[in-house]
N, C-alpha and C. Protein backbone atom coordinates (compact mmCIF):
# COMPACT_ATOMS: atom_id res chain seq x y z
N MET A 1 127.21 131.36 80.95
CA MET A 1 127.74 132.24 81.99
C MET A 1 128.86 133.09 81.39
N ALA A 2 128.87 134.38 81.73
CA ALA A 2 129.90 135.27 81.22
C ALA A 2 131.25 134.89 81.77
N ASN A 3 132.30 135.20 80.97
CA ASN A 3 133.64 134.93 81.45
C ASN A 3 133.96 135.81 82.63
N VAL A 4 134.63 135.28 83.60
CA VAL A 4 134.98 136.01 84.81
C VAL A 4 136.49 136.00 84.96
N TRP A 5 137.04 137.15 85.32
CA TRP A 5 138.48 137.22 85.55
C TRP A 5 138.75 137.85 86.91
N PRO A 6 139.59 137.22 87.75
CA PRO A 6 140.25 135.93 87.48
C PRO A 6 139.25 134.79 87.52
N PRO A 7 139.55 133.64 86.87
CA PRO A 7 138.59 132.53 86.83
C PRO A 7 138.22 132.07 88.22
N LEU A 8 136.95 131.72 88.41
CA LEU A 8 136.50 131.19 89.68
C LEU A 8 137.12 129.82 89.90
N PRO A 9 137.58 129.52 91.12
CA PRO A 9 138.18 128.20 91.37
C PRO A 9 137.15 127.10 91.29
N GLU A 10 137.61 125.92 90.93
CA GLU A 10 136.73 124.75 90.96
C GLU A 10 136.32 124.48 92.39
N SER A 11 135.21 123.75 92.54
CA SER A 11 134.79 123.38 93.89
C SER A 11 135.84 122.46 94.49
N PRO A 12 135.95 122.44 95.85
CA PRO A 12 136.94 121.56 96.47
C PRO A 12 136.82 120.11 96.06
N SER A 13 135.56 119.64 95.88
CA SER A 13 135.39 118.23 95.51
C SER A 13 135.90 117.98 94.10
N ALA A 14 135.68 118.95 93.19
CA ALA A 14 136.17 118.78 91.82
C ALA A 14 137.69 118.80 91.79
N GLU A 15 138.29 119.73 92.55
CA GLU A 15 139.75 119.77 92.62
C GLU A 15 140.29 118.46 93.15
N ARG A 16 139.66 117.93 94.19
CA ARG A 16 140.14 116.69 94.82
C ARG A 16 140.02 115.52 93.86
N GLU A 17 138.87 115.46 93.13
CA GLU A 17 138.68 114.35 92.20
C GLU A 17 139.73 114.38 91.10
N HIS A 18 140.04 115.58 90.62
CA HIS A 18 141.05 115.69 89.57
C HIS A 18 142.44 115.36 90.11
N ARG A 19 142.72 115.87 91.28
CA ARG A 19 144.07 115.71 91.82
C ARG A 19 144.38 114.27 92.17
N LEU A 20 143.38 113.53 92.64
CA LEU A 20 143.63 112.19 93.14
C LEU A 20 143.11 111.13 92.17
N SER A 21 143.61 111.19 90.95
CA SER A 21 143.14 110.24 89.94
C SER A 21 144.05 109.03 89.83
N SER A 22 145.14 108.99 90.60
CA SER A 22 146.04 107.85 90.52
C SER A 22 146.72 107.64 91.86
N LEU A 23 147.31 106.44 92.01
CA LEU A 23 148.06 106.14 93.23
C LEU A 23 149.23 107.09 93.40
N ASP A 24 149.92 107.41 92.31
CA ASP A 24 151.07 108.31 92.41
C ASP A 24 150.65 109.67 92.94
N GLU A 25 149.49 110.15 92.51
CA GLU A 25 149.01 111.44 93.00
C GLU A 25 148.66 111.36 94.48
N TRP A 26 148.06 110.25 94.89
CA TRP A 26 147.74 110.09 96.32
C TRP A 26 149.02 110.08 97.15
N LEU A 27 150.04 109.38 96.68
CA LEU A 27 151.29 109.30 97.42
C LEU A 27 151.98 110.66 97.50
N ALA A 28 151.84 111.47 96.46
CA ALA A 28 152.52 112.76 96.42
C ALA A 28 151.77 113.84 97.17
N CYS A 29 150.49 113.63 97.42
CA CYS A 29 149.66 114.66 98.04
C CYS A 29 149.93 114.72 99.53
N GLU A 30 150.04 115.94 100.05
CA GLU A 30 150.40 116.13 101.45
C GLU A 30 149.24 116.60 102.31
N GLU A 31 148.06 116.77 101.75
CA GLU A 31 146.95 117.29 102.53
C GLU A 31 146.38 116.21 103.44
N ARG A 32 145.83 116.67 104.58
CA ARG A 32 145.30 115.74 105.57
C ARG A 32 143.99 115.09 105.13
N SER A 33 143.27 115.70 104.20
CA SER A 33 141.91 115.26 103.89
C SER A 33 141.83 114.26 102.74
N ASP A 34 142.95 113.67 102.36
CA ASP A 34 142.94 112.88 101.14
C ASP A 34 142.38 111.48 101.31
N GLY A 35 142.24 110.99 102.52
CA GLY A 35 141.71 109.66 102.72
C GLY A 35 142.73 108.58 102.41
N GLU A 36 142.22 107.39 102.10
CA GLU A 36 143.08 106.25 101.83
C GLU A 36 142.83 105.75 100.41
N TRP A 37 143.85 105.14 99.83
CA TRP A 37 143.75 104.64 98.45
C TRP A 37 143.52 103.14 98.52
N VAL A 38 142.33 102.70 98.10
CA VAL A 38 141.94 101.32 98.28
C VAL A 38 141.55 100.71 96.94
N GLU A 39 142.38 99.79 96.48
CA GLU A 39 142.12 99.07 95.24
C GLU A 39 141.79 100.01 94.09
N GLY A 40 142.61 101.05 93.95
CA GLY A 40 142.48 101.95 92.82
C GLY A 40 141.49 103.08 92.97
N GLN A 41 140.91 103.24 94.17
CA GLN A 41 139.94 104.30 94.37
C GLN A 41 140.21 105.01 95.69
N LEU A 42 139.84 106.30 95.72
CA LEU A 42 139.97 107.06 96.94
C LEU A 42 138.83 106.70 97.89
N GLU A 43 139.17 106.37 99.11
CA GLU A 43 138.17 106.04 100.13
C GLU A 43 138.28 107.05 101.26
N GLU A 44 137.21 107.74 101.52
CA GLU A 44 137.24 108.76 102.55
C GLU A 44 137.49 108.14 103.92
N GLU A 45 138.27 108.86 104.71
CA GLU A 45 138.54 108.41 106.07
C GLU A 45 137.38 108.79 107.00
N GLU A 46 137.43 108.22 108.20
CA GLU A 46 136.47 108.65 109.21
C GLU A 46 136.72 110.10 109.58
N VAL A 47 135.70 110.76 110.10
CA VAL A 47 135.85 112.14 110.57
C VAL A 47 136.24 112.07 112.04
N PRO A 48 137.51 112.38 112.36
CA PRO A 48 137.95 112.23 113.75
C PRO A 48 137.36 113.30 114.65
N ASP A 49 136.97 112.88 115.85
CA ASP A 49 136.50 113.84 116.84
C ASP A 49 137.54 113.94 117.95
N ALA A 50 137.23 114.71 118.99
CA ALA A 50 138.19 114.93 120.06
C ALA A 50 138.52 113.63 120.78
N VAL A 51 137.53 112.75 120.95
CA VAL A 51 137.78 111.47 121.61
C VAL A 51 138.80 110.66 120.82
N HIS A 52 138.60 110.57 119.52
CA HIS A 52 139.50 109.81 118.65
C HIS A 52 140.92 110.37 118.72
N GLU A 53 141.05 111.68 118.56
CA GLU A 53 142.38 112.28 118.51
C GLU A 53 143.09 112.23 119.85
N LEU A 54 142.34 112.34 120.94
CA LEU A 54 142.96 112.25 122.27
C LEU A 54 143.44 110.83 122.53
N ALA A 55 142.65 109.84 122.12
CA ALA A 55 143.07 108.44 122.29
C ALA A 55 144.34 108.16 121.48
N VAL A 56 144.38 108.67 120.25
CA VAL A 56 145.56 108.47 119.41
C VAL A 56 146.80 109.11 120.04
N SER A 57 146.67 110.35 120.51
CA SER A 57 147.83 111.04 121.09
C SER A 57 148.28 110.35 122.38
N TRP A 58 147.34 109.82 123.17
CA TRP A 58 147.69 109.11 124.40
C TRP A 58 148.49 107.84 124.07
N LEU A 59 148.05 107.12 123.06
CA LEU A 59 148.74 105.88 122.68
C LEU A 59 150.11 106.16 122.08
N ILE A 60 150.23 107.22 121.29
CA ILE A 60 151.54 107.59 120.75
C ILE A 60 152.50 107.91 121.88
N ALA A 61 152.03 108.67 122.88
CA ALA A 61 152.88 109.00 124.02
C ALA A 61 153.28 107.74 124.80
N LEU A 62 152.35 106.81 124.94
CA LEU A 62 152.64 105.55 125.64
C LEU A 62 153.79 104.82 124.95
N PHE A 63 153.67 104.64 123.64
CA PHE A 63 154.71 103.92 122.90
C PHE A 63 156.02 104.70 122.88
N ARG A 64 155.95 106.01 122.69
CA ARG A 64 157.18 106.80 122.59
C ARG A 64 157.95 106.79 123.91
N ASN A 65 157.23 106.93 125.01
CA ASN A 65 157.90 106.92 126.32
C ASN A 65 158.56 105.58 126.60
N TRP A 66 157.94 104.52 126.13
CA TRP A 66 158.50 103.18 126.34
C TRP A 66 159.66 102.89 125.40
N LEU A 67 159.52 103.28 124.14
CA LEU A 67 160.53 102.96 123.14
C LEU A 67 161.77 103.84 123.26
N GLY A 68 161.58 105.12 123.52
CA GLY A 68 162.70 106.04 123.45
C GLY A 68 163.29 106.03 122.05
N ALA A 69 164.61 105.88 121.97
CA ALA A 69 165.29 105.85 120.67
C ALA A 69 165.50 104.43 120.15
N ARG A 70 164.82 103.45 120.74
CA ARG A 70 165.02 102.06 120.34
C ARG A 70 164.15 101.64 119.17
N GLY A 71 163.16 102.46 118.84
CA GLY A 71 162.23 102.12 117.76
C GLY A 71 161.58 103.38 117.24
N PHE A 72 160.45 103.22 116.57
CA PHE A 72 159.76 104.36 115.96
C PHE A 72 158.25 104.22 116.19
N VAL A 73 157.60 105.37 116.40
CA VAL A 73 156.14 105.40 116.48
C VAL A 73 155.65 106.58 115.64
N PHE A 74 154.63 106.32 114.82
CA PHE A 74 154.11 107.32 113.90
C PHE A 74 152.61 107.50 114.12
N GLY A 75 152.15 108.72 113.77
CA GLY A 75 150.73 109.02 113.85
C GLY A 75 150.01 108.76 112.54
N SER A 76 148.81 109.35 112.42
CA SER A 76 147.87 108.91 111.39
C SER A 76 148.12 109.48 109.99
N GLU A 77 149.18 110.24 109.78
CA GLU A 77 149.46 110.71 108.42
C GLU A 77 150.53 109.89 107.71
N LEU A 78 151.02 108.84 108.35
CA LEU A 78 151.99 107.96 107.69
C LEU A 78 151.27 107.15 106.61
N LYS A 79 151.80 107.20 105.38
CA LYS A 79 151.19 106.45 104.28
C LYS A 79 151.87 105.10 104.15
N LEU A 80 151.07 104.06 104.33
CA LEU A 80 151.55 102.69 104.39
C LEU A 80 150.99 101.91 103.21
N MET A 81 151.86 101.39 102.35
CA MET A 81 151.41 100.62 101.21
C MET A 81 151.24 99.16 101.62
N THR A 82 150.00 98.75 101.81
CA THR A 82 149.74 97.38 102.24
C THR A 82 149.71 96.40 101.06
N SER A 83 149.56 96.92 99.85
CA SER A 83 149.62 96.09 98.63
C SER A 83 149.96 97.01 97.48
N ALA A 84 150.03 96.45 96.28
CA ALA A 84 150.45 97.25 95.12
C ALA A 84 149.48 98.37 94.80
N ASN A 85 148.20 98.20 95.15
CA ASN A 85 147.22 99.22 94.79
C ASN A 85 146.39 99.70 95.98
N THR A 86 146.89 99.50 97.19
CA THR A 86 146.17 99.95 98.37
C THR A 86 147.12 100.63 99.34
N GLY A 87 146.76 101.84 99.74
CA GLY A 87 147.53 102.59 100.72
C GLY A 87 146.66 102.98 101.89
N ARG A 88 147.12 102.71 103.09
CA ARG A 88 146.38 103.02 104.30
C ARG A 88 147.12 104.04 105.15
N LYS A 89 146.38 104.68 106.05
CA LYS A 89 146.95 105.61 107.01
C LYS A 89 146.46 105.21 108.40
N PRO A 90 147.12 104.24 109.03
CA PRO A 90 146.67 103.77 110.35
C PRO A 90 146.82 104.87 111.40
N ASP A 91 146.06 104.74 112.48
CA ASP A 91 146.10 105.76 113.52
C ASP A 91 147.46 105.78 114.23
N VAL A 92 148.02 104.62 114.51
CA VAL A 92 149.33 104.53 115.16
C VAL A 92 150.08 103.37 114.51
N ALA A 93 151.34 103.61 114.16
CA ALA A 93 152.20 102.57 113.60
C ALA A 93 153.49 102.52 114.41
N VAL A 94 153.89 101.31 114.81
CA VAL A 94 155.03 101.13 115.71
C VAL A 94 156.02 100.15 115.08
N PHE A 95 157.28 100.58 115.05
CA PHE A 95 158.38 99.71 114.65
C PHE A 95 159.19 99.41 115.90
N LEU A 96 159.23 98.17 116.29
CA LEU A 96 159.89 97.77 117.52
C LEU A 96 161.40 97.69 117.34
N PRO A 97 162.15 97.61 118.44
CA PRO A 97 163.62 97.49 118.34
C PRO A 97 164.02 96.30 117.47
N GLY A 98 164.96 96.53 116.56
CA GLY A 98 165.44 95.48 115.68
C GLY A 98 164.68 95.36 114.37
N ALA A 99 163.56 96.07 114.23
CA ALA A 99 162.79 95.99 112.99
C ALA A 99 163.48 96.76 111.88
N THR A 100 163.11 96.45 110.63
CA THR A 100 163.62 97.21 109.50
C THR A 100 163.19 98.67 109.64
N ARG A 101 164.13 99.57 109.51
CA ARG A 101 163.82 100.98 109.71
C ARG A 101 162.99 101.52 108.54
N PRO A 102 161.95 102.30 108.82
CA PRO A 102 161.16 102.89 107.74
C PRO A 102 161.98 103.92 106.97
N PRO A 103 161.66 104.17 105.70
CA PRO A 103 162.43 105.13 104.90
C PRO A 103 162.20 106.56 105.35
N ARG A 104 163.16 107.41 105.06
CA ARG A 104 163.06 108.82 105.42
C ARG A 104 161.99 109.53 104.59
N ARG A 105 161.86 109.16 103.34
CA ARG A 105 160.91 109.80 102.43
C ARG A 105 160.04 108.75 101.76
N GLY A 106 158.88 109.19 101.31
CA GLY A 106 158.00 108.33 100.53
C GLY A 106 157.18 107.39 101.38
N PRO A 107 156.34 106.58 100.74
CA PRO A 107 155.48 105.66 101.47
C PRO A 107 156.27 104.53 102.12
N VAL A 108 155.71 103.98 103.16
CA VAL A 108 156.33 102.86 103.87
C VAL A 108 155.82 101.56 103.27
N ARG A 109 156.74 100.71 102.83
CA ARG A 109 156.37 99.46 102.19
C ARG A 109 156.79 98.23 103.01
N VAL A 110 157.34 98.47 104.19
CA VAL A 110 157.67 97.37 105.10
C VAL A 110 156.65 97.37 106.23
N PRO A 111 156.19 96.21 106.66
CA PRO A 111 155.13 96.18 107.68
C PRO A 111 155.64 96.60 109.05
N PRO A 112 154.95 97.51 109.72
CA PRO A 112 155.27 97.79 111.12
C PRO A 112 155.01 96.56 111.97
N ASP A 113 155.56 96.56 113.18
CA ASP A 113 155.30 95.45 114.10
C ASP A 113 153.92 95.55 114.74
N VAL A 114 153.48 96.78 114.98
CA VAL A 114 152.19 97.03 115.65
C VAL A 114 151.45 98.11 114.87
N LEU A 115 150.18 97.85 114.60
CA LEU A 115 149.30 98.88 114.06
C LEU A 115 148.10 99.01 114.99
N VAL A 116 147.69 100.25 115.21
CA VAL A 116 146.56 100.53 116.09
C VAL A 116 145.53 101.33 115.32
N GLU A 117 144.29 100.92 115.42
CA GLU A 117 143.17 101.70 114.89
C GLU A 117 142.23 102.04 116.05
N VAL A 118 141.90 103.31 116.15
CA VAL A 118 140.91 103.78 117.13
C VAL A 118 139.59 103.89 116.38
N ILE A 119 138.62 103.11 116.77
CA ILE A 119 137.37 102.99 116.03
C ILE A 119 136.46 104.18 116.33
N THR A 120 135.93 104.77 115.27
CA THR A 120 134.93 105.81 115.43
C THR A 120 133.54 105.17 115.37
N PRO A 121 132.56 105.76 116.07
CA PRO A 121 131.26 105.09 116.22
C PRO A 121 130.34 105.23 115.01
N SER A 122 130.70 104.53 113.92
CA SER A 122 129.81 104.44 112.77
C SER A 122 129.96 103.05 112.19
N PRO A 123 128.87 102.46 111.67
CA PRO A 123 128.96 101.11 111.12
C PRO A 123 130.01 100.98 110.02
N ARG A 124 130.11 101.98 109.14
CA ARG A 124 131.08 101.91 108.05
C ARG A 124 132.51 101.84 108.56
N ASP A 125 132.82 102.70 109.53
CA ASP A 125 134.18 102.73 110.04
C ASP A 125 134.51 101.49 110.85
N GLU A 126 133.53 100.98 111.58
CA GLU A 126 133.79 99.76 112.35
C GLU A 126 134.00 98.57 111.43
N ARG A 127 133.22 98.47 110.36
CA ARG A 127 133.44 97.39 109.38
C ARG A 127 134.83 97.48 108.76
N ARG A 128 135.24 98.70 108.44
CA ARG A 128 136.55 98.89 107.81
C ARG A 128 137.67 98.44 108.74
N ASP A 129 137.60 98.84 110.02
CA ASP A 129 138.68 98.50 110.95
C ASP A 129 138.64 97.04 111.36
N ARG A 130 137.45 96.48 111.55
CA ARG A 130 137.34 95.11 112.07
C ARG A 130 137.39 94.04 110.99
N ILE A 131 137.11 94.40 109.76
CA ILE A 131 137.06 93.39 108.70
C ILE A 131 138.10 93.70 107.61
N ALA A 132 137.92 94.81 106.90
CA ALA A 132 138.80 95.09 105.76
C ALA A 132 140.25 95.25 106.18
N LYS A 133 140.50 96.12 107.15
CA LYS A 133 141.88 96.37 107.54
C LYS A 133 142.50 95.17 108.24
N MET A 134 141.71 94.43 108.99
CA MET A 134 142.24 93.26 109.66
C MET A 134 142.77 92.25 108.65
N THR A 135 142.04 92.06 107.57
CA THR A 135 142.48 91.15 106.52
C THR A 135 143.73 91.68 105.82
N GLU A 136 143.71 92.96 105.48
CA GLU A 136 144.85 93.56 104.77
C GLU A 136 146.12 93.55 105.62
N TYR A 137 146.00 93.95 106.88
CA TYR A 137 147.19 94.06 107.71
C TYR A 137 147.83 92.69 107.97
N ALA A 138 147.01 91.67 108.11
CA ALA A 138 147.56 90.33 108.29
C ALA A 138 148.29 89.87 107.03
N ALA A 139 147.68 90.09 105.87
CA ALA A 139 148.32 89.71 104.61
C ALA A 139 149.61 90.49 104.38
N PHE A 140 149.65 91.72 104.86
CA PHE A 140 150.83 92.57 104.71
C PHE A 140 151.98 92.12 105.61
N GLY A 141 151.64 91.47 106.72
CA GLY A 141 152.68 90.97 107.62
C GLY A 141 152.81 91.71 108.92
N VAL A 142 151.78 92.47 109.31
CA VAL A 142 151.80 93.19 110.59
C VAL A 142 151.53 92.19 111.70
N ARG A 143 152.46 92.07 112.64
CA ARG A 143 152.36 91.00 113.63
C ARG A 143 151.27 91.25 114.66
N TYR A 144 151.15 92.49 115.12
CA TYR A 144 150.16 92.80 116.17
C TYR A 144 149.22 93.90 115.70
N TYR A 145 147.95 93.68 115.90
CA TYR A 145 146.91 94.64 115.51
C TYR A 145 146.08 94.96 116.74
N TRP A 146 146.02 96.26 117.08
CA TRP A 146 145.22 96.71 118.22
C TRP A 146 143.96 97.40 117.72
N LEU A 147 142.86 97.14 118.38
CA LEU A 147 141.61 97.85 118.15
C LEU A 147 141.17 98.50 119.45
N VAL A 148 141.07 99.82 119.42
CA VAL A 148 140.63 100.58 120.58
C VAL A 148 139.28 101.19 120.24
N ASP A 149 138.27 100.85 121.04
CA ASP A 149 136.91 101.32 120.77
C ASP A 149 136.42 102.15 121.95
N PRO A 150 136.61 103.47 121.90
CA PRO A 150 136.18 104.30 123.03
C PRO A 150 134.67 104.24 123.29
N ALA A 151 133.86 104.09 122.25
CA ALA A 151 132.42 104.05 122.45
C ALA A 151 132.00 102.82 123.26
N LEU A 152 132.65 101.68 123.00
CA LEU A 152 132.37 100.46 123.75
C LEU A 152 133.19 100.39 125.03
N GLY A 153 134.26 101.18 125.10
CA GLY A 153 135.17 101.08 126.24
C GLY A 153 135.93 99.78 126.22
N SER A 154 136.43 99.38 125.03
CA SER A 154 137.13 98.10 124.91
C SER A 154 138.46 98.28 124.19
N LEU A 155 139.40 97.41 124.54
CA LEU A 155 140.71 97.38 123.88
C LEU A 155 141.04 95.93 123.58
N GLU A 156 141.38 95.65 122.32
CA GLU A 156 141.70 94.30 121.89
C GLU A 156 143.07 94.27 121.22
N ILE A 157 143.81 93.21 121.45
CA ILE A 157 145.11 93.01 120.81
C ILE A 157 145.10 91.66 120.12
N PHE A 158 145.44 91.67 118.83
CA PHE A 158 145.47 90.46 118.01
C PHE A 158 146.89 90.19 117.57
N GLU A 159 147.22 88.90 117.42
CA GLU A 159 148.52 88.50 116.90
C GLU A 159 148.32 87.68 115.64
N MET A 160 149.18 87.93 114.65
CA MET A 160 149.09 87.19 113.39
C MET A 160 149.60 85.76 113.58
N THR A 161 148.86 84.82 113.04
CA THR A 161 149.24 83.42 113.11
C THR A 161 150.09 83.04 111.90
N ALA A 162 150.57 81.82 111.88
CA ALA A 162 151.35 81.33 110.75
C ALA A 162 150.53 81.29 109.47
N GLU A 163 149.21 81.25 109.60
CA GLU A 163 148.31 81.23 108.43
C GLU A 163 147.94 82.64 107.98
N ALA A 164 148.63 83.67 108.51
CA ALA A 164 148.36 85.07 108.16
C ALA A 164 146.94 85.47 108.52
N ARG A 165 146.50 85.01 109.68
CA ARG A 165 145.22 85.43 110.24
C ARG A 165 145.47 85.91 111.66
N TYR A 166 144.54 86.71 112.17
CA TYR A 166 144.71 87.24 113.51
C TYR A 166 143.92 86.43 114.52
N GLN A 167 144.58 86.16 115.66
CA GLN A 167 143.90 85.57 116.80
C GLN A 167 143.97 86.56 117.96
N LYS A 168 142.87 86.64 118.71
CA LYS A 168 142.81 87.60 119.80
C LYS A 168 143.59 87.08 121.01
N LEU A 169 144.51 87.93 121.49
CA LEU A 169 145.26 87.61 122.70
C LEU A 169 144.73 88.37 123.90
N VAL A 170 144.22 89.56 123.69
CA VAL A 170 143.76 90.42 124.78
C VAL A 170 142.42 91.03 124.40
N GLY A 171 141.50 91.03 125.31
CA GLY A 171 140.24 91.73 125.16
C GLY A 171 139.81 92.23 126.53
N VAL A 172 139.94 93.54 126.77
CA VAL A 172 139.69 94.09 128.10
C VAL A 172 138.83 95.34 128.01
N VAL A 173 138.18 95.65 129.11
CA VAL A 173 137.46 96.91 129.24
C VAL A 173 138.01 97.74 130.39
N ALA A 174 138.84 97.15 131.23
CA ALA A 174 139.38 97.86 132.38
C ALA A 174 140.65 97.14 132.84
N GLY A 175 141.32 97.76 133.83
CA GLY A 175 142.49 97.13 134.42
C GLY A 175 143.76 97.45 133.67
N ARG A 176 144.71 96.56 133.79
CA ARG A 176 146.05 96.77 133.22
C ARG A 176 146.45 95.57 132.37
N VAL A 177 147.03 95.83 131.22
CA VAL A 177 147.59 94.78 130.38
C VAL A 177 149.10 94.75 130.63
N ASP A 178 149.55 93.72 131.29
CA ASP A 178 150.96 93.63 131.69
C ASP A 178 151.31 92.16 131.88
N PRO A 179 152.11 91.58 130.99
CA PRO A 179 152.83 92.23 129.89
C PRO A 179 151.95 92.46 128.67
N VAL A 180 152.38 93.41 127.83
CA VAL A 180 151.71 93.66 126.56
C VAL A 180 152.32 92.73 125.52
N PRO A 181 151.52 91.94 124.80
CA PRO A 181 152.08 91.00 123.82
C PRO A 181 153.02 91.67 122.83
N GLY A 182 154.22 91.11 122.71
CA GLY A 182 155.21 91.61 121.77
C GLY A 182 155.98 92.83 122.22
N CYS A 183 155.63 93.38 123.37
CA CYS A 183 156.25 94.63 123.83
C CYS A 183 156.78 94.44 125.24
N ALA A 184 157.90 93.73 125.36
CA ALA A 184 158.46 93.43 126.67
C ALA A 184 158.78 94.71 127.43
N GLY A 185 158.29 94.78 128.65
CA GLY A 185 158.54 95.93 129.50
C GLY A 185 157.49 97.01 129.42
N LEU A 186 156.55 96.91 128.47
CA LEU A 186 155.49 97.89 128.35
C LEU A 186 154.29 97.46 129.19
N SER A 187 153.76 98.38 129.96
CA SER A 187 152.56 98.15 130.76
C SER A 187 151.48 99.11 130.30
N LEU A 188 150.30 98.60 130.03
CA LEU A 188 149.22 99.40 129.48
C LEU A 188 148.10 99.54 130.51
N ASP A 189 147.92 100.74 131.02
CA ASP A 189 146.89 101.03 132.01
C ASP A 189 145.63 101.46 131.27
N VAL A 190 144.72 100.53 131.08
CA VAL A 190 143.49 100.80 130.32
C VAL A 190 142.63 101.82 131.06
N ASP A 191 142.56 101.73 132.38
CA ASP A 191 141.77 102.68 133.16
C ASP A 191 142.28 104.10 132.96
N ALA A 192 143.60 104.27 132.86
CA ALA A 192 144.17 105.60 132.66
C ALA A 192 143.78 106.17 131.30
N LEU A 193 143.69 105.30 130.28
CA LEU A 193 143.24 105.76 128.97
C LEU A 193 141.81 106.26 129.03
N TRP A 194 140.92 105.48 129.63
CA TRP A 194 139.52 105.90 129.72
C TRP A 194 139.38 107.16 130.58
N ALA A 195 140.19 107.28 131.63
CA ALA A 195 140.14 108.47 132.49
C ALA A 195 140.57 109.71 131.71
N GLU A 196 141.57 109.55 130.83
CA GLU A 196 142.00 110.68 130.01
C GLU A 196 140.89 111.13 129.08
N LEU A 197 140.19 110.18 128.47
CA LEU A 197 139.09 110.53 127.56
C LEU A 197 137.93 111.14 128.33
N ALA A 198 137.72 110.71 129.56
CA ALA A 198 136.62 111.23 130.38
C ALA A 198 136.80 112.70 130.75
N ARG A 199 138.02 113.22 130.62
CA ARG A 199 138.26 114.62 130.96
C ARG A 199 137.64 115.58 129.94
N LEU A 200 137.30 115.08 128.76
CA LEU A 200 136.67 115.93 127.76
C LEU A 200 135.29 116.41 128.21
N GLY A 201 134.83 117.49 127.62
CA GLY A 201 133.52 118.03 127.99
C GLY A 201 132.39 117.20 127.42
N ASP A 202 131.17 117.55 127.81
CA ASP A 202 129.99 116.87 127.31
C ASP A 202 129.77 117.18 125.83
N ASP A 203 128.99 116.31 125.15
CA ASP A 203 128.69 116.55 123.75
C ASP A 203 127.90 117.84 123.58
């Protein structure tokens, strides 16, 4: 092929492969499409749709309105180092009152009190949230793990045991969770969440 000036850019996939060849590069990269760093390799994230993003924003608002300035709630671009060679970006991360404050810059290496994953309807993503991340988050020390599955219309809350495993405390498809485990004073209206998602248009 003849030389071209200015040089043609590499394909996006080639640029991404070159850019994300190490954990340090993943941590330094600010783009939304970088995925998660899992045991030394880049793992693509789920492709979020309107249902996923609306559920995430609803849950963030729920926690923020309840916490105020007493704690912290973060969305899905927070980079959380669950081990020396694995970095995750959970959908919602919550630091309750009295918890160690997350750093102003760089990845978070202290476990949040609550992590929430909103499951997208694919076998790969469901396996990742229900199996891989559940194991990692418990080993990391996250006390409460929420799984919200809009496709099934279910919400589950797990608590870490002394053996660093999760046991289910809540499993609902409707109604209200009150009290919410670990969150004194927070009331979770599951019907209101589903009603918010139902406002979206047809596929």
